Amino acid sequence: TTRLIIVADGTLKVYDHEDTVKFNPRNTIMEIPLDRQHRCSGWKRKNYKQKGGIPTDFFSFYVMKDSAILGQIRELKIGSHDLQTMENIMRCLEANTHNRT
């Protein structure tokens, strides 16, 4: 399922469609206020075969929050077929979490 992710003002917002952001930006699927306890897990790669047997890679990682009682909690899994996109999202999230001043 395709979703739109926006990280702004220390919050990760997930939308169902680009039009929702334009016409009804308060209608999010999920919002995670990012703070110093949030981290990105390492990314994982899986190889899948598309229709016709063509192999394709899928990259994913978790947005995690440190908890004193439960350890690290997985709050959201983000994935894409494009590694560069994944690296950009991870850098953006890291810049808005524990690297934030």
C-alpha atoms as a PDB file:
ATOM      1  CA  THR A   1       0.000   0.000   0.000  1.00  0.00           C
ATOM      2  CA  THR A   2       1.358   3.406  -0.943  1.00  0.00           C
ATOM      3  CA  ARG A   3       1.315   6.093   1.724  1.00  0.00           C
ATOM      4  CA  LEU A   4       2.772   9.588   1.921  1.00  0.00           C
ATOM      5  CA  ILE A   5       5.185  10.359   4.767  1.00  0.00           C
ATOM      6  CA  ILE A   6       5.975  13.898   5.887  1.00  0.00           C
ATOM      7  CA  VAL A   7       8.449  14.815   8.618  1.00  0.00           C
ATOM      8  CA  ALA A   8       8.087  18.416   9.762  1.00  0.00           C
ATOM      9  CA  ASP A   9       8.253  20.326  13.026  1.00  0.00           C
ATOM     10  CA  GLY A  10       9.448  17.242  14.913  1.00  0.00           C
ATOM     11  CA  THR A  11       6.485  15.082  13.856  1.00  0.00           C
ATOM     12  CA  LEU A  12       6.248  12.173  11.443  1.00  0.00           C
ATOM     13  CA  LYS A  13       2.872  12.203   9.686  1.00  0.00           C
ATOM     14  CA  VAL A  14       1.467   9.435   7.504  1.00  0.00           C
ATOM     15  CA  TYR A  15      -1.241  10.243   4.936  1.00  0.00           C
ATOM     16  CA  ASP A  16      -3.321   8.017   2.692  1.00  0.00           C
ATOM     17  CA  HIS A  17      -2.845  10.189  -0.400  1.00  0.00           C
ATOM     18  CA  GLU A  18      -1.111  13.326  -1.626  1.00  0.00           C
ATOM     19  CA  ASP A  19      -4.504  15.025  -2.117  1.00  0.00           C
ATOM     20  CA  THR A  20      -5.229  14.611   1.604  1.00  0.00           C
ATOM     21  CA  VAL A  21      -2.164  16.709   2.408  1.00  0.00           C
ATOM     22  CA  LYS A  22      -3.319  19.423   0.004  1.00  0.00           C
ATOM     23  CA  PHE A  23      -7.005  19.550   0.901  1.00  0.00           C
ATOM     24  CA  ASN A  24      -7.308  18.140   4.433  1.00  0.00           C
ATOM     25  CA  PRO A  25      -3.863  18.091   6.121  1.00  0.00           C
ATOM     26  CA  ARG A  26      -5.333  17.352   9.567  1.00  0.00           C
ATOM     27  CA  ASN A  27      -6.658  14.004   8.318  1.00  0.00           C
ATOM     28  CA  THR A  28      -3.600  11.847   9.014  1.00  0.00           C
ATOM     29  CA  ILE A  29      -3.513   8.072   9.300  1.00  0.00           C
ATOM     30  CA  MET A  30      -0.832   8.273  11.971  1.00  0.00           C
ATOM     31  CA  GLU A  31       1.255  10.913  13.748  1.00  0.00           C
ATOM     32  CA  ILE A  32       4.380  10.232  15.776  1.00  0.00           C
ATOM     33  CA  PRO A  33       5.841  13.163  17.729  1.00  0.00           C
ATOM     34  CA  LEU A  34       9.579  12.586  17.375  1.00  0.00           C
ATOM     35  CA  ASP A  35      11.858  13.089  20.356  1.00  0.00           C
ATOM     36  CA  ARG A  36      15.262  11.976  21.608  1.00  0.00           C
ATOM     37  CA  GLN A  37      13.954   8.478  22.400  1.00  0.00           C
ATOM     38  CA  HIS A  38      13.186   7.728  18.737  1.00  0.00           C
ATOM     39  CA  ARG A  39      15.614   5.851  16.502  1.00  0.00           C
ATOM     40  CA  CYS A  40      15.672   4.154  13.128  1.00  0.00           C
ATOM     41  CA  SER A  41      16.517   0.471  13.089  1.00  0.00           C
ATOM     42  CA  GLY A  42      19.048  -0.754  10.577  1.00  0.00           C
ATOM     43  CA  TRP A  43      17.514  -1.307   7.160  1.00  0.00           C
ATOM     44  CA  LYS A  44      16.799  -4.781   5.869  1.00  0.00           C
ATOM     45  CA  ARG A  45      16.760  -6.026   2.299  1.00  0.00           C
ATOM     46  CA  LYS A  46      14.514  -8.752   0.922  1.00  0.00           C
ATOM     47  CA  ASN A  47      14.522 -10.079  -2.598  1.00  0.00           C
ATOM     48  CA  TYR A  48      11.133 -10.749  -4.177  1.00  0.00           C
ATOM     49  CA  LYS A  49      10.117 -11.981  -7.593  1.00  0.00           C
ATOM     50  CA  GLN A  50       7.654  -9.832  -9.460  1.00  0.00           C
ATOM     51  CA  LYS A  51       5.210 -11.147 -12.030  1.00  0.00           C
ATOM     52  CA  GLY A  52       7.158 -12.828 -14.778  1.00  0.00           C
ATOM     53  CA  GLY A  53       9.861 -13.958 -12.351  1.00  0.00           C
ATOM     54  CA  ILE A  54      11.779 -10.667 -12.376  1.00  0.00           C
ATOM     55  CA  PRO A  55      13.649 -10.295  -9.061  1.00  0.00           C
ATOM     56  CA  THR A  56      13.356  -7.017  -7.165  1.00  0.00           C
ATOM     57  CA  ASP A  57      14.753  -5.794  -3.862  1.00  0.00           C
ATOM     58  CA  PHE A  58      12.617  -4.312  -1.091  1.00  0.00           C
ATOM     59  CA  PHE A  59      14.253  -2.257   1.662  1.00  0.00           C
ATOM     60  CA  SER A  60      12.647  -1.537   5.035  1.00  0.00           C
ATOM     61  CA  PHE A  61      13.356  -0.263   8.532  1.00  0.00           C
ATOM     62  CA  TYR A  62      11.436   0.490  11.723  1.00  0.00           C
ATOM     63  CA  VAL A  63      10.870   3.773  13.522  1.00  0.00           C
ATOM     64  CA  MET A  64      11.566   2.734  17.110  1.00  0.00           C
ATOM     65  CA  LYS A  65      11.184   4.377  20.501  1.00  0.00           C
ATOM     66  CA  ASP A  66      13.308   3.602  23.553  1.00  0.00           C
ATOM     67  CA  SER A  67      11.251   2.631  26.594  1.00  0.00           C
ATOM     68  CA  ALA A  68      12.730   2.178  30.064  1.00  0.00           C
ATOM     69  CA  ILE A  69      10.337  -0.687  30.790  1.00  0.00           C
ATOM     70  CA  LEU A  70       9.858  -2.413  27.423  1.00  0.00           C
ATOM     71  CA  GLY A  71      13.169  -1.665  25.683  1.00  0.00           C
ATOM     72  CA  GLN A  72      12.809  -0.600  22.056  1.00  0.00           C
ATOM     73  CA  ILE A  73       9.258  -0.435  20.713  1.00  0.00           C
ATOM     74  CA  ARG A  74       8.619  -0.660  16.960  1.00  0.00           C
ATOM     75  CA  GLU A  75       6.165   2.115  16.124  1.00  0.00           C
ATOM     76  CA  LEU A  76       6.143   2.041  12.316  1.00  0.00           C
ATOM     77  CA  LYS A  77       7.683   0.012   9.485  1.00  0.00           C
ATOM     78  CA  ILE A  78       8.700   1.979   6.397  1.00  0.00           C
ATOM     79  CA  GLY A  79       9.650   0.294   3.132  1.00  0.00           C
ATOM     80  CA  SER A  80      10.457   0.995  -0.509  1.00  0.00           C
ATOM     81  CA  HIS A  81      12.008  -0.602  -3.570  1.00  0.00           C
ATOM     82  CA  ASP A  82      14.359   2.391  -3.822  1.00  0.00           C
ATOM     83  CA  LEU A  83      17.361   2.270  -1.470  1.00  0.00           C
ATOM     84  CA  GLN A  84      18.186   5.957  -2.023  1.00  0.00           C
ATOM     85  CA  THR A  85      14.664   6.926  -0.929  1.00  0.00           C
ATOM     86  CA  MET A  86      15.044   4.808   2.199  1.00  0.00           C
ATOM     87  CA  GLU A  87      18.397   6.386   3.053  1.00  0.00           C
ATOM     88  CA  ASN A  88      16.910   9.874   2.594  1.00  0.00           C
ATOM     89  CA  ILE A  89      13.971   9.068   4.884  1.00  0.00           C
ATOM     90  CA  MET A  90      16.299   7.626   7.528  1.00  0.00           C
ATOM     91  CA  ARG A  91      18.545  10.726   7.426  1.00  0.00           C
ATOM     92  CA  CYS A  92      15.523  13.004   7.743  1.00  0.00           C
ATOM     93  CA  LEU A  93      14.166  11.036  10.711  1.00  0.00           C
ATOM     94  CA  GLU A  94      17.554  10.916  12.442  1.00  0.00           C
ATOM     95  CA  ALA A  95      17.923  14.683  11.979  1.00  0.00           C
ATOM     96  CA  ASN A  96      14.534  15.172  13.661  1.00  0.00           C
ATOM     97  CA  THR A  97      15.152  12.813  16.584  1.00  0.00           C
ATOM     98  CA  HIS A  98      18.326  12.222  18.594  1.00  0.00           C
ATOM     99  CA  ASN A  99      20.410  14.722  16.613  1.00  0.00           C
ATOM    100  CA  ARG A 100      17.900  17.475  17.345  1.00  0.00           C
ATOM    101  CA  THR A 101      18.987  20.282  19.669  1.00  0.00           C
END
